[in-house]
């Protein structure tokens, strides 16, 4: 798990002891937000996840809403393939 909070890790709340996460974020403040990472589940399955978000410079959006959306998308990218395999 990364030492700091990340949007990918926030998509799996309460996962500190069961899900291994490594993530890297970046972007251009106020315009582009990126998050990528590898999520390793307790059964050993590992998924690479990358999410990018862009907003128009003339639109004001709460950064917390953007981060929450990135976390939600990251979780769905992991949960959907797992549900179709099982």
N, C-alpha and C. Protein backbone atom coordinates (compact mmCIF):
# COMPACT_ATOMS: atom_id res chain seq x y z
N UNK A 1 0.86 -1.17 0.00
CA UNK A 1 0.00 0.00 0.00
C UNK A 1 0.90 1.22 0.00
N UNK A 2 0.52 2.21 -0.76
CA UNK A 2 1.29 3.44 -0.77
C UNK A 2 1.12 4.16 0.56
N UNK A 3 2.10 4.95 0.91
CA UNK A 3 2.06 5.64 2.18
C UNK A 3 0.99 6.73 2.19
N UNK A 4 0.73 7.33 1.04
CA UNK A 4 -0.28 8.37 0.98
C UNK A 4 -1.58 7.80 0.45
N UNK A 5 -2.63 8.55 0.63
CA UNK A 5 -3.93 8.13 0.11
C UNK A 5 -3.93 8.32 -1.40
N UNK A 6 -4.57 7.41 -2.11
CA UNK A 6 -4.71 7.55 -3.55
C UNK A 6 -6.15 7.29 -3.93
N UNK A 7 -6.53 7.76 -5.10
CA UNK A 7 -7.91 7.55 -5.54
C UNK A 7 -8.19 6.08 -5.78
N UNK A 8 -7.21 5.31 -6.26
CA UNK A 8 -7.43 3.88 -6.45
C UNK A 8 -7.61 3.21 -5.10
N UNK A 9 -6.77 3.55 -4.12
CA UNK A 9 -6.92 2.91 -2.81
C UNK A 9 -8.21 3.33 -2.13
N UNK A 10 -8.65 4.56 -2.36
CA UNK A 10 -9.91 5.01 -1.78
C UNK A 10 -11.10 4.27 -2.38
N UNK A 11 -10.92 3.65 -3.55
CA UNK A 11 -12.02 2.91 -4.16
C UNK A 11 -12.25 1.58 -3.45
N UNK A 12 -11.33 1.18 -2.58
CA UNK A 12 -11.45 -0.06 -1.82
C UNK A 12 -11.32 0.24 -0.33
N UNK A 13 -12.31 0.96 0.24
CA UNK A 13 -12.21 1.32 1.65
C UNK A 13 -12.16 0.08 2.54
N UNK A 14 -11.39 0.20 3.61
CA UNK A 14 -11.28 -0.91 4.55
C UNK A 14 -10.44 -2.05 4.03
N UNK A 15 -9.65 -1.80 3.00
CA UNK A 15 -8.91 -2.89 2.36
C UNK A 15 -7.46 -2.96 2.79
N UNK A 16 -7.08 -2.22 3.83
CA UNK A 16 -5.68 -2.14 4.22
C UNK A 16 -5.02 -3.50 4.40
N UNK A 17 -5.70 -4.47 4.99
CA UNK A 17 -5.05 -5.74 5.27
C UNK A 17 -5.36 -6.82 4.24
N UNK A 18 -6.33 -6.59 3.35
CA UNK A 18 -6.72 -7.65 2.42
C UNK A 18 -6.37 -7.37 0.98
N UNK A 19 -6.17 -6.13 0.62
CA UNK A 19 -5.89 -5.76 -0.76
C UNK A 19 -4.59 -4.97 -0.80
N UNK A 20 -3.65 -5.43 -1.62
CA UNK A 20 -2.38 -4.70 -1.78
C UNK A 20 -2.54 -3.71 -2.93
N UNK A 21 -2.16 -2.48 -2.68
CA UNK A 21 -2.32 -1.42 -3.67
C UNK A 21 -1.02 -0.66 -3.87
N UNK A 22 -0.70 -0.41 -5.10
CA UNK A 22 0.35 0.54 -5.44
C UNK A 22 -0.24 1.48 -6.45
N UNK A 23 -0.04 2.76 -6.27
CA UNK A 23 -0.69 3.73 -7.16
C UNK A 23 0.20 4.94 -7.37
N UNK A 24 -0.02 5.58 -8.50
CA UNK A 24 0.68 6.82 -8.83
C UNK A 24 -0.33 7.76 -9.44
N UNK A 25 -0.36 8.98 -8.97
CA UNK A 25 -1.26 9.97 -9.53
C UNK A 25 -0.46 11.12 -10.11
N UNK A 26 -1.13 11.90 -10.93
CA UNK A 26 -0.48 13.05 -11.53
C UNK A 26 -1.50 13.86 -12.29
N UNK A 27 -1.05 14.90 -12.94
CA UNK A 27 -1.96 15.71 -13.74
C UNK A 27 -1.52 17.15 -13.80
N UNK A 28 -2.41 17.96 -14.35
CA UNK A 28 -2.24 19.40 -14.40
C UNK A 28 -3.28 20.00 -13.48
N UNK A 29 -2.87 20.69 -12.44
CA UNK A 29 -3.83 21.19 -11.44
C UNK A 29 -5.00 21.95 -12.07
N UNK A 30 -6.19 21.51 -11.70
CA UNK A 30 -7.40 22.16 -12.16
C UNK A 30 -7.89 21.74 -13.53
N UNK A 31 -7.12 20.93 -14.27
CA UNK A 31 -7.53 20.56 -15.63
C UNK A 31 -7.54 19.04 -15.84
N UNK A 32 -6.44 18.37 -15.53
CA UNK A 32 -6.31 16.93 -15.79
C UNK A 32 -5.94 16.22 -14.50
N UNK A 33 -6.61 15.11 -14.22
CA UNK A 33 -6.29 14.25 -13.07
C UNK A 33 -6.07 12.84 -13.59
N UNK A 34 -4.99 12.21 -13.20
CA UNK A 34 -4.68 10.85 -13.62
C UNK A 34 -4.37 10.00 -12.40
N UNK A 35 -4.73 8.74 -12.50
CA UNK A 35 -4.39 7.78 -11.44
C UNK A 35 -4.16 6.44 -12.12
N UNK A 36 -3.09 5.79 -11.77
CA UNK A 36 -2.85 4.43 -12.26
C UNK A 36 -2.32 3.61 -11.10
N UNK A 37 -2.56 2.33 -11.18
CA UNK A 37 -2.09 1.49 -10.10
C UNK A 37 -2.30 0.03 -10.36
N UNK A 38 -1.80 -0.78 -9.45
CA UNK A 38 -1.99 -2.22 -9.49
C UNK A 38 -2.68 -2.61 -8.19
N UNK A 39 -3.79 -3.33 -8.33
CA UNK A 39 -4.56 -3.79 -7.19
C UNK A 39 -4.39 -5.31 -7.14
N UNK A 40 -3.86 -5.82 -6.04
CA UNK A 40 -3.70 -7.26 -5.86
C UNK A 40 -4.66 -7.71 -4.77
N UNK A 41 -5.56 -8.61 -5.14
CA UNK A 41 -6.60 -9.08 -4.23
C UNK A 41 -6.10 -10.26 -3.41
N UNK A 42 -6.79 -10.61 -2.33
CA UNK A 42 -6.33 -11.69 -1.45
C UNK A 42 -6.15 -13.03 -2.17
N UNK A 43 -6.91 -13.28 -3.23
CA UNK A 43 -6.78 -14.55 -3.95
C UNK A 43 -5.62 -14.55 -4.93
N UNK A 44 -4.85 -13.45 -4.97
CA UNK A 44 -3.69 -13.36 -5.85
C UNK A 44 -3.96 -12.72 -7.19
N UNK A 45 -5.23 -12.53 -7.54
CA UNK A 45 -5.54 -11.84 -8.79
C UNK A 45 -5.04 -10.41 -8.70
N UNK A 46 -4.41 -9.94 -9.78
CA UNK A 46 -3.90 -8.57 -9.82
C UNK A 46 -4.46 -7.87 -11.05
N UNK A 47 -4.81 -6.62 -10.88
CA UNK A 47 -5.38 -5.83 -11.96
C UNK A 47 -4.63 -4.51 -12.06
N UNK A 48 -4.28 -4.14 -13.30
CA UNK A 48 -3.74 -2.81 -13.55
C UNK A 48 -4.92 -1.91 -13.87
N UNK A 49 -4.95 -0.75 -13.24
CA UNK A 49 -6.05 0.18 -13.42
C UNK A 49 -5.47 1.55 -13.76
N UNK A 50 -6.06 2.20 -14.76
CA UNK A 50 -5.67 3.57 -15.09
C UNK A 50 -6.92 4.37 -15.41
N UNK A 51 -7.03 5.54 -14.80
CA UNK A 51 -8.17 6.41 -15.04
C UNK A 51 -7.64 7.82 -15.24
N UNK A 52 -8.13 8.48 -16.29
CA UNK A 52 -7.78 9.87 -16.55
C UNK A 52 -9.06 10.69 -16.59
N UNK A 53 -9.02 11.88 -16.05
CA UNK A 53 -10.18 12.78 -16.07
C UNK A 53 -9.72 14.16 -16.52
N UNK A 54 -10.54 14.78 -17.36
CA UNK A 54 -10.23 16.11 -17.85
C UNK A 54 -11.48 16.97 -17.72
N UNK A 55 -11.29 18.22 -17.38
CA UNK A 55 -12.42 19.14 -17.35
C UNK A 55 -12.07 20.39 -18.13
N UNK A 56 -13.08 21.04 -18.64
CA UNK A 56 -12.86 22.30 -19.35
C UNK A 56 -12.39 23.35 -18.35
N UNK A 57 -11.44 24.17 -18.73
CA UNK A 57 -10.93 25.18 -17.81
C UNK A 57 -12.01 26.16 -17.33
N UNK A 58 -13.07 26.34 -18.12
CA UNK A 58 -14.11 27.30 -17.74
C UNK A 58 -15.19 26.70 -16.84
N UNK A 59 -15.06 25.42 -16.48
CA UNK A 59 -16.04 24.75 -15.62
C UNK A 59 -15.43 24.56 -14.24
N UNK A 60 -16.16 24.95 -13.21
CA UNK A 60 -15.70 24.77 -11.85
C UNK A 60 -16.30 23.48 -11.28
N UNK A 61 -15.44 22.57 -10.87
CA UNK A 61 -15.88 21.31 -10.28
C UNK A 61 -15.09 21.09 -9.00
N UNK A 62 -15.78 20.65 -7.96
CA UNK A 62 -15.15 20.36 -6.68
C UNK A 62 -14.13 19.23 -6.87
N UNK A 63 -12.86 19.45 -6.56
CA UNK A 63 -11.85 18.40 -6.72
C UNK A 63 -12.21 17.10 -6.00
N UNK A 64 -12.89 17.19 -4.87
CA UNK A 64 -13.29 15.98 -4.15
C UNK A 64 -14.26 15.14 -4.97
N UNK A 65 -15.13 15.79 -5.74
CA UNK A 65 -16.06 15.04 -6.61
C UNK A 65 -15.30 14.32 -7.72
N UNK A 66 -14.27 14.97 -8.26
CA UNK A 66 -13.47 14.34 -9.31
C UNK A 66 -12.74 13.14 -8.73
N UNK A 67 -12.13 13.30 -7.57
CA UNK A 67 -11.39 12.20 -6.95
C UNK A 67 -12.32 11.04 -6.61
N UNK A 68 -13.50 11.36 -6.12
CA UNK A 68 -14.48 10.31 -5.81
C UNK A 68 -14.89 9.56 -7.07
N UNK A 69 -15.10 10.28 -8.16
CA UNK A 69 -15.49 9.64 -9.42
C UNK A 69 -14.38 8.73 -9.93
N UNK A 70 -13.13 9.16 -9.82
CA UNK A 70 -12.02 8.33 -10.25
C UNK A 70 -11.98 7.05 -9.42
N UNK A 71 -12.17 7.16 -8.11
CA UNK A 71 -12.20 5.98 -7.24
C UNK A 71 -13.33 5.04 -7.61
N UNK A 72 -14.51 5.58 -7.90
CA UNK A 72 -15.66 4.77 -8.29
C UNK A 72 -15.39 4.04 -9.60
N UNK A 73 -14.82 4.73 -10.56
CA UNK A 73 -14.49 4.11 -11.85
C UNK A 73 -13.45 3.01 -11.65
N UNK A 74 -12.43 3.28 -10.85
CA UNK A 74 -11.40 2.26 -10.59
C UNK A 74 -12.01 1.01 -9.99
N UNK A 75 -12.91 1.18 -9.03
CA UNK A 75 -13.55 0.02 -8.40
C UNK A 75 -14.37 -0.76 -9.43
N UNK A 76 -15.12 -0.06 -10.28
CA UNK A 76 -15.94 -0.77 -11.27
C UNK A 76 -15.08 -1.49 -12.30
N UNK A 77 -13.90 -0.95 -12.60
CA UNK A 77 -12.99 -1.62 -13.54
C UNK A 77 -12.47 -2.94 -12.98
N UNK A 78 -12.41 -3.04 -11.67
CA UNK A 78 -11.95 -4.28 -11.02
C UNK A 78 -13.12 -5.23 -10.76
N UNK A 79 -14.22 -4.69 -10.25
CA UNK A 79 -15.36 -5.53 -9.88
C UNK A 79 -16.06 -6.16 -11.08
N UNK A 80 -16.22 -5.43 -12.16
CA UNK A 80 -16.95 -5.96 -13.31
C UNK A 80 -16.29 -7.20 -13.90
N UNK A 81 -14.99 -7.17 -14.24
CA UNK A 81 -14.38 -8.40 -14.79
C UNK A 81 -14.47 -9.57 -13.82
N UNK A 82 -14.31 -9.29 -12.53
CA UNK A 82 -14.38 -10.39 -11.55
C UNK A 82 -15.78 -11.01 -11.52
N UNK A 83 -16.83 -10.21 -11.64
CA UNK A 83 -18.18 -10.75 -11.57
C UNK A 83 -18.53 -11.54 -12.82
N UNK A 84 -17.94 -11.22 -13.97
CA UNK A 84 -18.25 -11.96 -15.19
C UNK A 84 -17.45 -13.26 -15.28
N UNK A 85 -16.32 -13.32 -14.56
CA UNK A 85 -15.50 -14.53 -14.57
C UNK A 85 -16.09 -15.58 -13.65
N UNK A 86 -16.60 -15.17 -12.51
CA UNK A 86 -17.06 -16.11 -11.48
C UNK A 86 -18.38 -16.73 -11.81
